[in-house]
Amino acid sequence: MRVGRARSCLLAVGLLGALQVAQAAPAWVLLVRHAEKAEAAGSDPGLSPAGTTRALALRDSLADFKLDVVLTTPFRRTRDTAAPLVQARDLTPMVVPATGDHVANAVARLRGLSPHSTALVVGHSNTLAGIVQGLGGPRIADLRECDYDALYLLMLAEPPQLIRARYGPMNPACP
């Protein structure tokens, strides 16, 4: 990881940790795309070796602050990305069905958070932007197929504030 990227991620995560200490801290939603998926036949591949490394990096990157809820989809790649973190914290992920309006279902679950909680959403390249916007955050672009290192930190305040950081190994070069 480049030094600049490491500093920006540590700054964002440190900022989040410092804000959570305050009694009046609002709810936070952290959002990542699932880690790199294996090139396997079928519609529900697990993680590649690079994806497993990234899932461990996610666990390590978020080690210093609380998480109350982890949301995934039913797909292996999202559950496997969250697995090291939920195992380390003895959490049970909340699985949001991928059928129907997945984004609206995820937003509804997140809106039910208590005012001082923190949730991690492990989603897909085409769902994170909709969830951010559905929670009142700014419009962001869908991630590209080769984007895996983005970590969004959305503070549910008035107005909502979004920080984009990075975690784990750098993305491979995108075409």
C-alpha atoms as a PDB file:
ATOM      1  CA  MET A   1       0.000   0.000   0.000  1.00  0.00           C
ATOM      2  CA  ARG A   2       1.337   3.424  -0.853  1.00  0.00           C
ATOM      3  CA  VAL A   3       2.107   5.721   2.058  1.00  0.00           C
ATOM      4  CA  GLY A   4      -0.403   8.376   0.950  1.00  0.00           C
ATOM      5  CA  ARG A   5      -3.196   5.865   0.707  1.00  0.00           C
ATOM      6  CA  ALA A   6      -2.300   4.358   4.053  1.00  0.00           C
ATOM      7  CA  ARG A   7      -2.348   7.774   5.685  1.00  0.00           C
ATOM      8  CA  SER A   8      -5.729   8.695   4.172  1.00  0.00           C
ATOM      9  CA  CYS A   9      -7.251   5.410   5.333  1.00  0.00           C
ATOM     10  CA  LEU A  10      -5.772   5.744   8.821  1.00  0.00           C
ATOM     11  CA  LEU A  11      -6.940   9.347   9.003  1.00  0.00           C
ATOM     12  CA  ALA A  12     -10.482   8.376   8.018  1.00  0.00           C
ATOM     13  CA  VAL A  13     -10.601   5.406  10.375  1.00  0.00           C
ATOM     14  CA  GLY A  14      -9.032   7.485  13.168  1.00  0.00           C
ATOM     15  CA  LEU A  15     -11.591  10.217  12.572  1.00  0.00           C
ATOM     16  CA  LEU A  16     -14.374   7.661  12.800  1.00  0.00           C
ATOM     17  CA  GLY A  17     -12.944   6.225  16.020  1.00  0.00           C
ATOM     18  CA  ALA A  18     -12.589   9.664  17.581  1.00  0.00           C
ATOM     19  CA  LEU A  19     -16.130  10.611  16.662  1.00  0.00           C
ATOM     20  CA  GLN A  20     -17.538   7.410  18.102  1.00  0.00           C
ATOM     21  CA  VAL A  21     -16.092   8.265  21.507  1.00  0.00           C
ATOM     22  CA  ALA A  22     -18.336  11.300  21.799  1.00  0.00           C
ATOM     23  CA  GLN A  23     -21.675  10.582  23.496  1.00  0.00           C
ATOM     24  CA  ALA A  24     -23.657  12.424  20.848  1.00  0.00           C
ATOM     25  CA  ALA A  25     -22.042  10.606  17.938  1.00  0.00           C
ATOM     26  CA  PRO A  26     -24.515   9.848  15.148  1.00  0.00           C
ATOM     27  CA  ALA A  27     -24.906   6.507  13.451  1.00  0.00           C
ATOM     28  CA  TRP A  28     -22.269   5.494  10.915  1.00  0.00           C
ATOM     29  CA  VAL A  29     -22.587   3.212   7.923  1.00  0.00           C
ATOM     30  CA  LEU A  30     -19.398   1.788   6.438  1.00  0.00           C
ATOM     31  CA  LEU A  31     -19.710   0.351   2.962  1.00  0.00           C
ATOM     32  CA  VAL A  32     -17.378  -1.896   0.974  1.00  0.00           C
ATOM     33  CA  ARG A  33     -17.730  -3.980  -2.112  1.00  0.00           C
ATOM     34  CA  HIS A  34     -17.161  -7.699  -1.729  1.00  0.00           C
ATOM     35  CA  ALA A  35     -13.534  -8.723  -2.166  1.00  0.00           C
ATOM     36  CA  GLU A  36     -12.124 -10.210  -5.359  1.00  0.00           C
ATOM     37  CA  LYS A  37     -14.159 -13.222  -6.452  1.00  0.00           C
ATOM     38  CA  ALA A  38     -12.799 -16.513  -7.699  1.00  0.00           C
ATOM     39  CA  GLU A  39     -13.026 -17.294 -11.380  1.00  0.00           C
ATOM     40  CA  ALA A  40     -15.238 -20.320 -10.866  1.00  0.00           C
ATOM     41  CA  ALA A  41     -18.116 -21.674 -12.850  1.00  0.00           C
ATOM     42  CA  GLY A  42     -21.553 -20.853 -11.538  1.00  0.00           C
ATOM     43  CA  SER A  43     -23.351 -17.770 -10.359  1.00  0.00           C
ATOM     44  CA  ASP A  44     -22.134 -17.797  -6.747  1.00  0.00           C
ATOM     45  CA  PRO A  45     -18.325 -17.958  -6.608  1.00  0.00           C
ATOM     46  CA  GLY A  46     -16.374 -17.572  -3.395  1.00  0.00           C
ATOM     47  CA  LEU A  47     -13.285 -15.427  -3.012  1.00  0.00           C
ATOM     48  CA  SER A  48     -10.016 -15.704  -4.886  1.00  0.00           C
ATOM     49  CA  PRO A  49      -6.746 -15.801  -2.897  1.00  0.00           C
ATOM     50  CA  ALA A  50      -6.510 -12.016  -3.400  1.00  0.00           C
ATOM     51  CA  GLY A  51     -10.070 -11.707  -2.100  1.00  0.00           C
ATOM     52  CA  THR A  52      -9.239 -13.723   1.007  1.00  0.00           C
ATOM     53  CA  THR A  53      -6.292 -11.405   1.647  1.00  0.00           C
ATOM     54  CA  ARG A  54      -8.587  -8.388   1.249  1.00  0.00           C
ATOM     55  CA  ALA A  55     -11.189  -9.853   3.632  1.00  0.00           C
ATOM     56  CA  LEU A  56      -8.472 -10.199   6.282  1.00  0.00           C
ATOM     57  CA  ALA A  57      -7.366  -6.617   5.566  1.00  0.00           C
ATOM     58  CA  LEU A  58     -10.941  -5.441   6.137  1.00  0.00           C
ATOM     59  CA  ARG A  59     -11.025  -7.176   9.519  1.00  0.00           C
ATOM     60  CA  ASP A  60      -7.688  -5.601  10.462  1.00  0.00           C
ATOM     61  CA  SER A  61      -8.596  -2.134   9.146  1.00  0.00           C
ATOM     62  CA  LEU A  62     -11.738  -2.020  11.265  1.00  0.00           C
ATOM     63  CA  ALA A  63     -10.240  -3.578  14.399  1.00  0.00           C
ATOM     64  CA  ASP A  64     -10.083  -0.426  16.519  1.00  0.00           C
ATOM     65  CA  PHE A  65     -13.703   0.629  16.608  1.00  0.00           C
ATOM     66  CA  LYS A  66     -17.064  -0.882  17.356  1.00  0.00           C
ATOM     67  CA  LEU A  67     -19.424  -2.477  14.893  1.00  0.00           C
ATOM     68  CA  ASP A  68     -22.971  -3.271  15.857  1.00  0.00           C
ATOM     69  CA  VAL A  69     -24.352  -4.700  12.628  1.00  0.00           C
ATOM     70  CA  VAL A  70     -22.947  -6.315   9.479  1.00  0.00           C
ATOM     71  CA  LEU A  71     -25.160  -6.527   6.399  1.00  0.00           C
ATOM     72  CA  THR A  72     -24.393  -8.856   3.493  1.00  0.00           C
ATOM     73  CA  THR A  73     -26.259 -10.313   0.568  1.00  0.00           C
ATOM     74  CA  PRO A  74     -26.892 -14.056   0.273  1.00  0.00           C
ATOM     75  CA  PHE A  75     -23.989 -14.395  -2.184  1.00  0.00           C
ATOM     76  CA  ARG A  76     -20.858 -16.192  -0.987  1.00  0.00           C
ATOM     77  CA  ARG A  77     -18.536 -13.381  -2.027  1.00  0.00           C
ATOM     78  CA  THR A  78     -20.194 -10.889   0.360  1.00  0.00           C
ATOM     79  CA  ARG A  79     -20.504 -13.368   3.215  1.00  0.00           C
ATOM     80  CA  ASP A  80     -16.881 -14.529   2.720  1.00  0.00           C
ATOM     81  CA  THR A  81     -15.660 -10.917   2.708  1.00  0.00           C
ATOM     82  CA  ALA A  82     -17.372 -10.263   6.044  1.00  0.00           C
ATOM     83  CA  ALA A  83     -16.450 -13.650   7.566  1.00  0.00           C
ATOM     84  CA  PRO A  84     -13.081 -12.829   9.195  1.00  0.00           C
ATOM     85  CA  LEU A  85     -14.525  -9.714  10.815  1.00  0.00           C
ATOM     86  CA  VAL A  86     -17.760 -11.303  12.052  1.00  0.00           C
ATOM     87  CA  GLN A  87     -15.858 -14.316  13.388  1.00  0.00           C
ATOM     88  CA  ALA A  88     -13.378 -12.105  15.248  1.00  0.00           C
ATOM     89  CA  ARG A  89     -16.247 -10.163  16.839  1.00  0.00           C
ATOM     90  CA  ASP A  90     -18.710 -13.014  17.288  1.00  0.00           C
ATOM     91  CA  LEU A  91     -21.353 -11.186  15.243  1.00  0.00           C
ATOM     92  CA  THR A  92     -24.106 -12.708  13.136  1.00  0.00           C
ATOM     93  CA  PRO A  93     -24.416 -11.004   9.758  1.00  0.00           C
ATOM     94  CA  MET A  94     -27.813  -9.731   8.707  1.00  0.00           C
ATOM     95  CA  VAL A  95     -28.477 -11.092   5.211  1.00  0.00           C
ATOM     96  CA  VAL A  96     -30.491  -8.751   2.998  1.00  0.00           C
ATOM     97  CA  PRO A  97     -32.149 -10.653   0.155  1.00  0.00           C
ATOM     98  CA  ALA A  98     -30.916  -9.872  -3.346  1.00  0.00           C
ATOM     99  CA  THR A  99     -34.427 -10.288  -4.718  1.00  0.00           C
ATOM    100  CA  GLY A 100     -36.903  -7.456  -5.080  1.00  0.00           C
ATOM    101  CA  ASP A 101     -35.465  -4.008  -4.466  1.00  0.00           C
ATOM    102  CA  HIS A 102     -32.274  -4.944  -2.640  1.00  0.00           C
ATOM    103  CA  VAL A 103     -31.141  -1.337  -2.222  1.00  0.00           C
ATOM    104  CA  ALA A 104     -34.469  -0.244  -0.702  1.00  0.00           C
ATOM    105  CA  ASN A 105     -34.445  -3.267   1.628  1.00  0.00           C
ATOM    106  CA  ALA A 106     -30.895  -2.498   2.782  1.00  0.00           C
ATOM    107  CA  VAL A 107     -31.718   1.180   3.310  1.00  0.00           C
ATOM    108  CA  ALA A 108     -34.808   0.276   5.351  1.00  0.00           C
ATOM    109  CA  ARG A 109     -32.747  -1.966   7.630  1.00  0.00           C
ATOM    110  CA  LEU A 110     -30.062   0.685   8.039  1.00  0.00           C
ATOM    111  CA  ARG A 111     -32.599   3.415   8.837  1.00  0.00           C
ATOM    112  CA  GLY A 112     -33.669   1.300  11.793  1.00  0.00           C
ATOM    113  CA  LEU A 113     -30.259   1.650  13.462  1.00  0.00           C
ATOM    114  CA  SER A 114     -30.035   3.198  16.884  1.00  0.00           C
ATOM    115  CA  PRO A 115     -28.596   6.724  16.895  1.00  0.00           C
ATOM    116  CA  HIS A 116     -25.154   5.679  18.157  1.00  0.00           C
ATOM    117  CA  SER A 117     -24.557   2.494  16.190  1.00  0.00           C
ATOM    118  CA  THR A 118     -22.193   1.547  13.407  1.00  0.00           C
ATOM    119  CA  ALA A 119     -23.035  -0.810  10.561  1.00  0.00           C
ATOM    120  CA  LEU A 120     -20.867  -2.391   7.886  1.00  0.00           C
ATOM    121  CA  VAL A 121     -22.456  -3.113   4.519  1.00  0.00           C
ATOM    122  CA  VAL A 122     -20.672  -5.610   2.282  1.00  0.00           C
ATOM    123  CA  GLY A 123     -22.339  -5.111  -1.073  1.00  0.00           C
ATOM    124  CA  HIS A 124     -21.709  -5.121  -4.780  1.00  0.00           C
ATOM    125  CA  SER A 125     -20.257  -2.684  -7.306  1.00  0.00           C
ATOM    126  CA  ASN A 126     -23.753  -1.682  -8.434  1.00  0.00           C
ATOM    127  CA  THR A 127     -25.483  -1.412  -5.029  1.00  0.00           C
ATOM    128  CA  LEU A 128     -23.262   0.755  -2.827  1.00  0.00           C
ATOM    129  CA  ALA A 129     -24.037   4.027  -4.630  1.00  0.00           C
ATOM    130  CA  GLY A 130     -27.781   3.443  -4.291  1.00  0.00           C
ATOM    131  CA  ILE A 131     -27.480   2.672  -0.593  1.00  0.00           C
ATOM    132  CA  VAL A 132     -25.415   5.820   0.039  1.00  0.00           C
ATOM    133  CA  GLN A 133     -27.942   7.940  -1.838  1.00  0.00           C
ATOM    134  CA  GLY A 134     -30.902   6.168  -0.199  1.00  0.00           C
ATOM    135  CA  LEU A 135     -29.497   7.147   3.205  1.00  0.00           C
ATOM    136  CA  GLY A 136     -29.303  10.784   2.124  1.00  0.00           C
ATOM    137  CA  GLY A 137     -25.640  10.795   1.145  1.00  0.00           C
ATOM    138  CA  PRO A 138     -24.250  12.357  -2.010  1.00  0.00           C
ATOM    139  CA  ARG A 139     -24.574  10.814  -5.428  1.00  0.00           C
ATOM    140  CA  ILE A 140     -21.554   8.639  -6.196  1.00  0.00           C
ATOM    141  CA  ALA A 141     -20.760   6.502  -9.210  1.00  0.00           C
ATOM    142  CA  ASP A 142     -21.070   2.743  -9.204  1.00  0.00           C
ATOM    143  CA  LEU A 143     -17.725   1.058  -8.715  1.00  0.00           C
ATOM    144  CA  ARG A 144     -15.931  -0.321 -11.738  1.00  0.00           C
ATOM    145  CA  GLU A 145     -15.572  -4.074 -12.097  1.00  0.00           C
ATOM    146  CA  CYS A 146     -11.920  -3.800 -11.025  1.00  0.00           C
ATOM    147  CA  ASP A 147     -12.548  -1.613  -7.934  1.00  0.00           C
ATOM    148  CA  TYR A 148     -12.194  -3.505  -4.665  1.00  0.00           C
ATOM    149  CA  ASP A 149     -10.336  -1.239  -2.236  1.00  0.00           C
ATOM    150  CA  ALA A 150     -12.942   1.481  -1.629  1.00  0.00           C
ATOM    151  CA  LEU A 151     -14.195   2.006   1.911  1.00  0.00           C
ATOM    152  CA  TYR A 152     -17.015   4.519   2.289  1.00  0.00           C
ATOM    153  CA  LEU A 153     -17.747   5.999   5.724  1.00  0.00           C
ATOM    154  CA  LEU A 154     -21.170   7.638   5.821  1.00  0.00           C
ATOM    155  CA  MET A 155     -22.074   9.642   8.923  1.00  0.00           C
ATOM    156  CA  LEU A 156     -25.852   9.810   9.274  1.00  0.00           C
ATOM    157  CA  ALA A 157     -26.057  13.389  10.482  1.00  0.00           C
ATOM    158  CA  GLU A 158     -27.849  16.403   9.142  1.00  0.00           C
ATOM    159  CA  PRO A 159     -26.605  16.670   6.477  1.00  0.00           C
ATOM    160  CA  PRO A 160     -25.052  13.213   5.971  1.00  0.00           C
ATOM    161  CA  GLN A 161     -21.307  13.298   5.372  1.00  0.00           C
ATOM    162  CA  LEU A 162     -19.317  10.831   3.268  1.00  0.00           C
ATOM    163  CA  ILE A 163     -15.623  10.003   3.497  1.00  0.00           C
ATOM    164  CA  ARG A 164     -14.023   7.779   0.888  1.00  0.00           C
ATOM    165  CA  ALA A 165     -10.982   5.848   2.066  1.00  0.00           C
ATOM    166  CA  ARG A 166      -9.164   2.761   0.877  1.00  0.00           C
ATOM    167  CA  TYR A 167      -8.145  -0.456   2.574  1.00  0.00           C
ATOM    168  CA  GLY A 168      -6.081  -3.523   1.756  1.00  0.00           C
ATOM    169  CA  PRO A 169      -3.933  -3.963  -1.335  1.00  0.00           C
ATOM    170  CA  MET A 170      -4.216  -1.454  -4.159  1.00  0.00           C
ATOM    171  CA  ASN A 171      -6.635  -2.275  -6.961  1.00  0.00           C
ATOM    172  CA  PRO A 172      -5.056  -3.858 -10.008  1.00  0.00           C
ATOM    173  CA  ALA A 173      -4.768  -1.540 -12.985  1.00  0.00           C
ATOM    174  CA  CYS A 174      -8.192  -0.987 -14.498  1.00  0.00           C
ATOM    175  CA  PRO A 175      -8.627  -0.938 -18.252  1.00  0.00           C
END
